[in-house]
């Protein structure tokens, strides 16, 4: 069976690495390995991997720190390995951004199953992100053209939706009325700028408590920005 899955093992115990490698090779995973936290971080920065299997008790740099550093720049799935199974360790690992936690000794088959489950979840999140656009508390579904706030559907007209979508895909950019008429309505010469004002007003009303996302720039036009 072919597999493009790239796994980074950061583990100082040679026997443990070998057990994992045997299981991963059966799945045709591409394997990268490091024997301490420092080398693991260096390898992560230089190699594109799909998932990280990370021991907590490592020389040079411990697994907690490695996990924290990876999360500064990447959402790659991380499975933590440890000989300890205390609840505090699990909770601390999740707070640092780990996706799963497995206690030694463990079955290599179980580890492979967890890796596959995490990769499926990651794929689903990627597909969802292609379909959905999140702007603060506003969720826009590109396929269904539905807009929801707090899990409640906001009933927009076609032009209201297109106006919101254009703002959302160009956040923090100020557009004058003529630009919005051209991009949303397709009018180059004869559009009435008051059309924009009317639609912005109605759109704000429907956004309710989040109407301040669309800001008026006096003398210029409008922009969308989520308040800090």
C-alpha atoms as a PDB file:
ATOM      1  CA  UNK A   1       0.000   0.000   0.000  1.00  0.00           C
ATOM      2  CA  UNK A   2       1.381   3.378  -0.968  1.00  0.00           C
ATOM      3  CA  UNK A   3       1.652   6.122   1.601  1.00  0.00           C
ATOM      4  CA  UNK A   4       2.993   9.652   1.478  1.00  0.00           C
ATOM      5  CA  UNK A   5       2.782  10.063   5.239  1.00  0.00           C
ATOM      6  CA  UNK A   6       5.944  11.566   6.714  1.00  0.00           C
ATOM      7  CA  UNK A   7       6.490  10.870  10.420  1.00  0.00           C
ATOM      8  CA  UNK A   8       9.084  12.515  12.631  1.00  0.00           C
ATOM      9  CA  UNK A   9      10.082  10.397  15.648  1.00  0.00           C
ATOM     10  CA  UNK A  10      11.789  12.319  18.450  1.00  0.00           C
ATOM     11  CA  UNK A  11      12.800   9.622  20.930  1.00  0.00           C
ATOM     12  CA  UNK A  12      16.099   8.934  22.751  1.00  0.00           C
ATOM     13  CA  UNK A  13      15.457   5.225  23.463  1.00  0.00           C
ATOM     14  CA  UNK A  14      16.853   3.214  20.569  1.00  0.00           C
ATOM     15  CA  UNK A  15      14.704   0.125  21.198  1.00  0.00           C
ATOM     16  CA  UNK A  16      11.561   2.258  21.233  1.00  0.00           C
ATOM     17  CA  UNK A  17      12.566   3.961  17.985  1.00  0.00           C
ATOM     18  CA  UNK A  18      13.204   0.614  16.333  1.00  0.00           C
ATOM     19  CA  UNK A  19       9.804  -0.760  17.380  1.00  0.00           C
ATOM     20  CA  UNK A  20       8.063   2.296  15.947  1.00  0.00           C
ATOM     21  CA  UNK A  21      10.081   2.185  12.749  1.00  0.00           C
ATOM     22  CA  UNK A  22       9.146  -1.471  12.143  1.00  0.00           C
ATOM     23  CA  UNK A  23       5.443  -0.619  12.511  1.00  0.00           C
ATOM     24  CA  UNK A  24       5.732   2.506  10.370  1.00  0.00           C
ATOM     25  CA  UNK A  25       7.612   0.745   7.575  1.00  0.00           C
ATOM     26  CA  UNK A  26       4.764  -1.772   7.306  1.00  0.00           C
ATOM     27  CA  UNK A  27       2.521   1.216   6.538  1.00  0.00           C
ATOM     28  CA  UNK A  28       5.084   2.615   4.088  1.00  0.00           C
ATOM     29  CA  UNK A  29       5.455   5.767   6.160  1.00  0.00           C
ATOM     30  CA  UNK A  30       8.468   7.920   5.371  1.00  0.00           C
ATOM     31  CA  UNK A  31      10.442   8.110   8.623  1.00  0.00           C
ATOM     32  CA  UNK A  32      12.583  10.894  10.079  1.00  0.00           C
ATOM     33  CA  UNK A  33      14.170  10.411  13.487  1.00  0.00           C
ATOM     34  CA  UNK A  34      16.008  12.395  16.122  1.00  0.00           C
ATOM     35  CA  UNK A  35      17.578  11.245  19.411  1.00  0.00           C
ATOM     36  CA  UNK A  36      17.164  14.463  21.420  1.00  0.00           C
ATOM     37  CA  UNK A  37      14.986  17.555  21.577  1.00  0.00           C
ATOM     38  CA  UNK A  38      17.465  19.909  19.923  1.00  0.00           C
ATOM     39  CA  UNK A  39      18.015  17.644  16.927  1.00  0.00           C
ATOM     40  CA  UNK A  40      14.279  17.036  16.771  1.00  0.00           C
ATOM     41  CA  UNK A  41      13.530  20.750  16.480  1.00  0.00           C
ATOM     42  CA  UNK A  42      16.236  21.209  13.867  1.00  0.00           C
ATOM     43  CA  UNK A  43      14.868  18.315  11.850  1.00  0.00           C
ATOM     44  CA  UNK A  44      11.309  19.631  12.126  1.00  0.00           C
ATOM     45  CA  UNK A  45      12.408  23.015  10.783  1.00  0.00           C
ATOM     46  CA  UNK A  46      14.245  21.460   7.854  1.00  0.00           C
ATOM     47  CA  UNK A  47      11.826  18.672   6.879  1.00  0.00           C
ATOM     48  CA  UNK A  48       8.170  18.831   5.930  1.00  0.00           C
ATOM     49  CA  UNK A  49       6.414  16.191   8.015  1.00  0.00           C
ATOM     50  CA  UNK A  50       2.768  15.231   8.473  1.00  0.00           C
ATOM     51  CA  UNK A  51       2.911  14.189  12.124  1.00  0.00           C
ATOM     52  CA  UNK A  52       5.329  14.257  15.078  1.00  0.00           C
ATOM     53  CA  UNK A  53       5.702  11.431  17.613  1.00  0.00           C
ATOM     54  CA  UNK A  54       7.402  13.120  20.562  1.00  0.00           C
ATOM     55  CA  UNK A  55       8.828  11.664  23.766  1.00  0.00           C
ATOM     56  CA  UNK A  56       8.542  13.923  26.816  1.00  0.00           C
ATOM     57  CA  UNK A  57      11.724  12.873  28.639  1.00  0.00           C
ATOM     58  CA  UNK A  58      14.453  13.892  26.185  1.00  0.00           C
ATOM     59  CA  UNK A  59      18.064  15.028  26.505  1.00  0.00           C
ATOM     60  CA  UNK A  60      19.123  18.556  25.475  1.00  0.00           C
ATOM     61  CA  UNK A  61      15.567  19.952  25.231  1.00  0.00           C
ATOM     62  CA  UNK A  62      12.582  18.249  26.880  1.00  0.00           C
ATOM     63  CA  UNK A  63       9.463  17.242  24.999  1.00  0.00           C
ATOM     64  CA  UNK A  64       7.287  19.918  26.613  1.00  0.00           C
ATOM     65  CA  UNK A  65       9.565  22.631  25.206  1.00  0.00           C
ATOM     66  CA  UNK A  66       9.768  20.944  21.799  1.00  0.00           C
ATOM     67  CA  UNK A  67       5.964  20.780  21.646  1.00  0.00           C
ATOM     68  CA  UNK A  68       5.654  24.436  22.598  1.00  0.00           C
ATOM     69  CA  UNK A  69       8.214  25.500  19.977  1.00  0.00           C
ATOM     70  CA  UNK A  70       6.557  23.493  17.206  1.00  0.00           C
ATOM     71  CA  UNK A  71       3.204  25.068  18.048  1.00  0.00           C
ATOM     72  CA  UNK A  72       4.651  28.552  17.571  1.00  0.00           C
ATOM     73  CA  UNK A  73       4.823  27.962  13.824  1.00  0.00           C
ATOM     74  CA  UNK A  74       2.802  24.855  12.924  1.00  0.00           C
ATOM     75  CA  UNK A  75      -0.472  23.005  13.491  1.00  0.00           C
ATOM     76  CA  UNK A  76       1.051  19.634  12.553  1.00  0.00           C
ATOM     77  CA  UNK A  77      -0.485  16.831  14.673  1.00  0.00           C
ATOM     78  CA  UNK A  78       1.645  15.883  17.699  1.00  0.00           C
ATOM     79  CA  UNK A  79       1.446  12.648  19.720  1.00  0.00           C
ATOM     80  CA  UNK A  80       3.249  12.730  23.067  1.00  0.00           C
ATOM     81  CA  UNK A  81       4.955   9.612  24.453  1.00  0.00           C
ATOM     82  CA  UNK A  82       5.717   9.146  28.147  1.00  0.00           C
ATOM     83  CA  UNK A  83       6.327   6.471  30.727  1.00  0.00           C
ATOM     84  CA  UNK A  84       4.086   8.382  33.092  1.00  0.00           C
ATOM     85  CA  UNK A  85       0.332   8.404  32.897  1.00  0.00           C
ATOM     86  CA  UNK A  86      -0.671  11.020  35.437  1.00  0.00           C
ATOM     87  CA  UNK A  87      -3.639  13.184  34.488  1.00  0.00           C
ATOM     88  CA  UNK A  88      -1.600  16.346  35.093  1.00  0.00           C
ATOM     89  CA  UNK A  89       0.890  15.350  32.386  1.00  0.00           C
ATOM     90  CA  UNK A  90      -1.909  14.736  29.910  1.00  0.00           C
ATOM     91  CA  UNK A  91      -3.624  18.031  30.633  1.00  0.00           C
ATOM     92  CA  UNK A  92      -0.347  19.944  30.474  1.00  0.00           C
ATOM     93  CA  UNK A  93       0.450  18.332  27.130  1.00  0.00           C
ATOM     94  CA  UNK A  94      -2.929  19.303  25.707  1.00  0.00           C
ATOM     95  CA  UNK A  95      -2.502  22.858  26.976  1.00  0.00           C
ATOM     96  CA  UNK A  96       0.795  23.058  25.085  1.00  0.00           C
ATOM     97  CA  UNK A  97      -0.970  22.006  21.898  1.00  0.00           C
ATOM     98  CA  UNK A  98      -0.485  18.235  21.722  1.00  0.00           C
ATOM     99  CA  UNK A  99      -3.226  16.346  19.861  1.00  0.00           C
ATOM    100  CA  UNK A 100      -2.906  12.942  21.535  1.00  0.00           C
ATOM    101  CA  UNK A 101      -1.057  11.203  24.355  1.00  0.00           C
ATOM    102  CA  UNK A 102       0.073   7.602  24.669  1.00  0.00           C
ATOM    103  CA  UNK A 103       1.668   5.970  27.712  1.00  0.00           C
ATOM    104  CA  UNK A 104       4.591   3.541  27.497  1.00  0.00           C
ATOM    105  CA  UNK A 105       4.586   0.627  27.101  1.00  0.00           C
ATOM    106  CA  UNK A 106       2.169   0.717  24.185  1.00  0.00           C
ATOM    107  CA  UNK A 107       1.271  -1.369  21.178  1.00  0.00           C
ATOM    108  CA  UNK A 108       2.877  -0.113  17.939  1.00  0.00           C
ATOM    109  CA  UNK A 109      -0.380  -1.058  16.196  1.00  0.00           C
ATOM    110  CA  UNK A 110      -2.267   1.254  18.557  1.00  0.00           C
ATOM    111  CA  UNK A 111       0.180   4.061  17.784  1.00  0.00           C
ATOM    112  CA  UNK A 112      -0.314   3.549  14.038  1.00  0.00           C
ATOM    113  CA  UNK A 113      -4.105   3.608  14.525  1.00  0.00           C
ATOM    114  CA  UNK A 114      -3.885   6.867  16.455  1.00  0.00           C
ATOM    115  CA  UNK A 115      -1.659   8.409  13.802  1.00  0.00           C
ATOM    116  CA  UNK A 116      -4.155   7.508  11.085  1.00  0.00           C
ATOM    117  CA  UNK A 117      -7.032   8.915  13.150  1.00  0.00           C
ATOM    118  CA  UNK A 118      -5.193  12.208  13.709  1.00  0.00           C
ATOM    119  CA  UNK A 119      -4.318  12.512  10.033  1.00  0.00           C
ATOM    120  CA  UNK A 120      -7.976  11.929   9.076  1.00  0.00           C
ATOM    121  CA  UNK A 121      -9.022  14.681  11.506  1.00  0.00           C
ATOM    122  CA  UNK A 122      -6.365  16.998  10.080  1.00  0.00           C
ATOM    123  CA  UNK A 123      -7.591  16.299   6.525  1.00  0.00           C
ATOM    124  CA  UNK A 124     -11.171  17.021   7.576  1.00  0.00           C
ATOM    125  CA  UNK A 125     -10.088  20.314   9.156  1.00  0.00           C
ATOM    126  CA  UNK A 126      -8.273  21.263   5.947  1.00  0.00           C
ATOM    127  CA  UNK A 127     -11.340  20.474   3.837  1.00  0.00           C
ATOM    128  CA  UNK A 128     -13.531  22.434   6.234  1.00  0.00           C
ATOM    129  CA  UNK A 129     -11.206  25.426   6.077  1.00  0.00           C
ATOM    130  CA  UNK A 130     -11.488  25.383   2.274  1.00  0.00           C
ATOM    131  CA  UNK A 131     -15.275  25.559   2.548  1.00  0.00           C
ATOM    132  CA  UNK A 132     -15.550  27.924   5.495  1.00  0.00           C
ATOM    133  CA  UNK A 133     -14.300  31.424   6.122  1.00  0.00           C
ATOM    134  CA  UNK A 134     -14.187  32.526   9.760  1.00  0.00           C
ATOM    135  CA  UNK A 135     -14.202  36.242  10.513  1.00  0.00           C
ATOM    136  CA  UNK A 136     -14.286  36.793  14.242  1.00  0.00           C
ATOM    137  CA  UNK A 137     -17.630  35.340  15.331  1.00  0.00           C
ATOM    138  CA  UNK A 138     -18.987  35.235  11.783  1.00  0.00           C
ATOM    139  CA  UNK A 139     -18.766  31.959   9.840  1.00  0.00           C
ATOM    140  CA  UNK A 140     -19.217  32.043   6.058  1.00  0.00           C
ATOM    141  CA  UNK A 141     -19.790  28.781   4.195  1.00  0.00           C
ATOM    142  CA  UNK A 142     -18.509  29.245   0.670  1.00  0.00           C
ATOM    143  CA  UNK A 143     -20.422  26.274  -0.752  1.00  0.00           C
ATOM    144  CA  UNK A 144     -23.858  26.856   0.735  1.00  0.00           C
ATOM    145  CA  UNK A 145     -23.436  30.666   0.931  1.00  0.00           C
ATOM    146  CA  UNK A 146     -24.771  30.456   4.471  1.00  0.00           C
ATOM    147  CA  UNK A 147     -23.660  32.889   7.138  1.00  0.00           C
ATOM    148  CA  UNK A 148     -23.927  31.897  10.777  1.00  0.00           C
ATOM    149  CA  UNK A 149     -23.309  33.740  14.032  1.00  0.00           C
ATOM    150  CA  UNK A 150     -23.381  31.804  17.309  1.00  0.00           C
ATOM    151  CA  UNK A 151     -24.729  28.798  15.355  1.00  0.00           C
ATOM    152  CA  UNK A 152     -27.674  30.869  14.137  1.00  0.00           C
ATOM    153  CA  UNK A 153     -28.169  31.380  10.400  1.00  0.00           C
ATOM    154  CA  UNK A 154     -28.201  35.028   9.301  1.00  0.00           C
ATOM    155  CA  UNK A 155     -30.641  35.527   6.415  1.00  0.00           C
ATOM    156  CA  UNK A 156     -28.866  37.683   3.845  1.00  0.00           C
ATOM    157  CA  UNK A 157     -29.887  38.647   0.330  1.00  0.00           C
ATOM    158  CA  UNK A 158     -27.528  37.678  -2.472  1.00  0.00           C
ATOM    159  CA  UNK A 159     -25.974  41.128  -2.646  1.00  0.00           C
ATOM    160  CA  UNK A 160     -25.643  41.365   1.132  1.00  0.00           C
ATOM    161  CA  UNK A 161     -23.841  38.032   1.121  1.00  0.00           C
ATOM    162  CA  UNK A 162     -21.564  39.057  -1.744  1.00  0.00           C
ATOM    163  CA  UNK A 163     -20.775  42.342  -0.024  1.00  0.00           C
ATOM    164  CA  UNK A 164     -19.916  40.599   3.253  1.00  0.00           C
ATOM    165  CA  UNK A 165     -17.872  37.952   1.431  1.00  0.00           C
ATOM    166  CA  UNK A 166     -15.892  40.603  -0.452  1.00  0.00           C
ATOM    167  CA  UNK A 167     -15.148  42.438   2.780  1.00  0.00           C
ATOM    168  CA  UNK A 168     -14.220  39.178   4.530  1.00  0.00           C
ATOM    169  CA  UNK A 169     -11.779  38.119   1.815  1.00  0.00           C
ATOM    170  CA  UNK A 170     -10.147  41.550   1.890  1.00  0.00           C
ATOM    171  CA  UNK A 171      -9.974  42.409   5.605  1.00  0.00           C
ATOM    172  CA  UNK A 172      -8.591  45.736   6.834  1.00  0.00           C
ATOM    173  CA  UNK A 173      -8.627  47.206   3.302  1.00  0.00           C
ATOM    174  CA  UNK A 174     -10.590  50.434   2.852  1.00  0.00           C
ATOM    175  CA  UNK A 175     -12.842  50.469  -0.230  1.00  0.00           C
ATOM    176  CA  UNK A 176     -14.625  53.502  -1.599  1.00  0.00           C
ATOM    177  CA  UNK A 177     -18.161  53.200  -2.891  1.00  0.00           C
ATOM    178  CA  UNK A 178     -17.129  53.125  -6.542  1.00  0.00           C
ATOM    179  CA  UNK A 179     -14.790  50.196  -5.916  1.00  0.00           C
ATOM    180  CA  UNK A 180     -17.514  48.258  -4.130  1.00  0.00           C
ATOM    181  CA  UNK A 181     -20.009  48.976  -6.897  1.00  0.00           C
ATOM    182  CA  UNK A 182     -17.547  47.583  -9.423  1.00  0.00           C
ATOM    183  CA  UNK A 183     -16.484  44.495  -7.446  1.00  0.00           C
ATOM    184  CA  UNK A 184     -19.865  43.503  -5.970  1.00  0.00           C
ATOM    185  CA  UNK A 185     -22.429  44.905  -8.412  1.00  0.00           C
ATOM    186  CA  UNK A 186     -20.316  45.075 -11.560  1.00  0.00           C
ATOM    187  CA  UNK A 187     -21.206  48.713 -12.270  1.00  0.00           C
ATOM    188  CA  UNK A 188     -18.389  50.662 -13.906  1.00  0.00           C
ATOM    189  CA  UNK A 189     -20.061  53.972 -14.678  1.00  0.00           C
ATOM    190  CA  UNK A 190     -23.714  54.234 -13.840  1.00  0.00           C
ATOM    191  CA  UNK A 191     -24.137  52.786 -10.396  1.00  0.00           C
ATOM    192  CA  UNK A 192     -25.598  54.864  -7.595  1.00  0.00           C
ATOM    193  CA  UNK A 193     -23.122  55.065  -4.661  1.00  0.00           C
ATOM    194  CA  UNK A 194     -26.096  55.249  -2.294  1.00  0.00           C
ATOM    195  CA  UNK A 195     -26.775  51.585  -3.178  1.00  0.00           C
ATOM    196  CA  UNK A 196     -23.616  50.688  -1.258  1.00  0.00           C
ATOM    197  CA  UNK A 197     -24.637  52.744   1.769  1.00  0.00           C
ATOM    198  CA  UNK A 198     -28.079  51.120   1.846  1.00  0.00           C
ATOM    199  CA  UNK A 199     -26.675  47.599   1.665  1.00  0.00           C
ATOM    200  CA  UNK A 200     -24.014  48.281   4.269  1.00  0.00           C
ATOM    201  CA  UNK A 201     -26.683  49.617   6.622  1.00  0.00           C
ATOM    202  CA  UNK A 202     -28.894  46.529   6.164  1.00  0.00           C
ATOM    203  CA  UNK A 203     -25.914  44.201   6.492  1.00  0.00           C
ATOM    204  CA  UNK A 204     -24.875  45.833   9.747  1.00  0.00           C
ATOM    205  CA  UNK A 205     -28.386  45.464  11.121  1.00  0.00           C
ATOM    206  CA  UNK A 206     -28.337  41.733  10.362  1.00  0.00           C
ATOM    207  CA  UNK A 207     -24.901  41.260  11.964  1.00  0.00           C
ATOM    208  CA  UNK A 208     -26.419  42.432  15.254  1.00  0.00           C
ATOM    209  CA  UNK A 209     -23.864  42.883  18.031  1.00  0.00           C
ATOM    210  CA  UNK A 210     -21.061  42.331  15.513  1.00  0.00           C
ATOM    211  CA  UNK A 211     -22.065  45.237  13.285  1.00  0.00           C
ATOM    212  CA  UNK A 212     -18.917  47.061  14.369  1.00  0.00           C
ATOM    213  CA  UNK A 213     -16.888  44.671  12.212  1.00  0.00           C
ATOM    214  CA  UNK A 214     -17.757  46.939   9.257  1.00  0.00           C
ATOM    215  CA  UNK A 215     -16.297  50.373   9.874  1.00  0.00           C
ATOM    216  CA  UNK A 216     -17.098  53.619   8.098  1.00  0.00           C
ATOM    217  CA  UNK A 217     -14.011  55.580   7.077  1.00  0.00           C
ATOM    218  CA  UNK A 218     -15.458  59.046   6.784  1.00  0.00           C
ATOM    219  CA  UNK A 219     -14.889  60.712   3.431  1.00  0.00           C
ATOM    220  CA  UNK A 220     -13.530  57.489   1.931  1.00  0.00           C
ATOM    221  CA  UNK A 221     -15.679  54.367   2.300  1.00  0.00           C
ATOM    222  CA  UNK A 222     -15.786  51.169   4.333  1.00  0.00           C
ATOM    223  CA  UNK A 223     -13.587  48.374   5.624  1.00  0.00           C
ATOM    224  CA  UNK A 224     -14.058  45.155   7.580  1.00  0.00           C
ATOM    225  CA  UNK A 225     -11.891  44.558  10.628  1.00  0.00           C
ATOM    226  CA  UNK A 226     -12.455  42.402  13.688  1.00  0.00           C
ATOM    227  CA  UNK A 227     -11.979  44.558  16.805  1.00  0.00           C
ATOM    228  CA  UNK A 228      -9.176  43.423  19.099  1.00  0.00           C
END
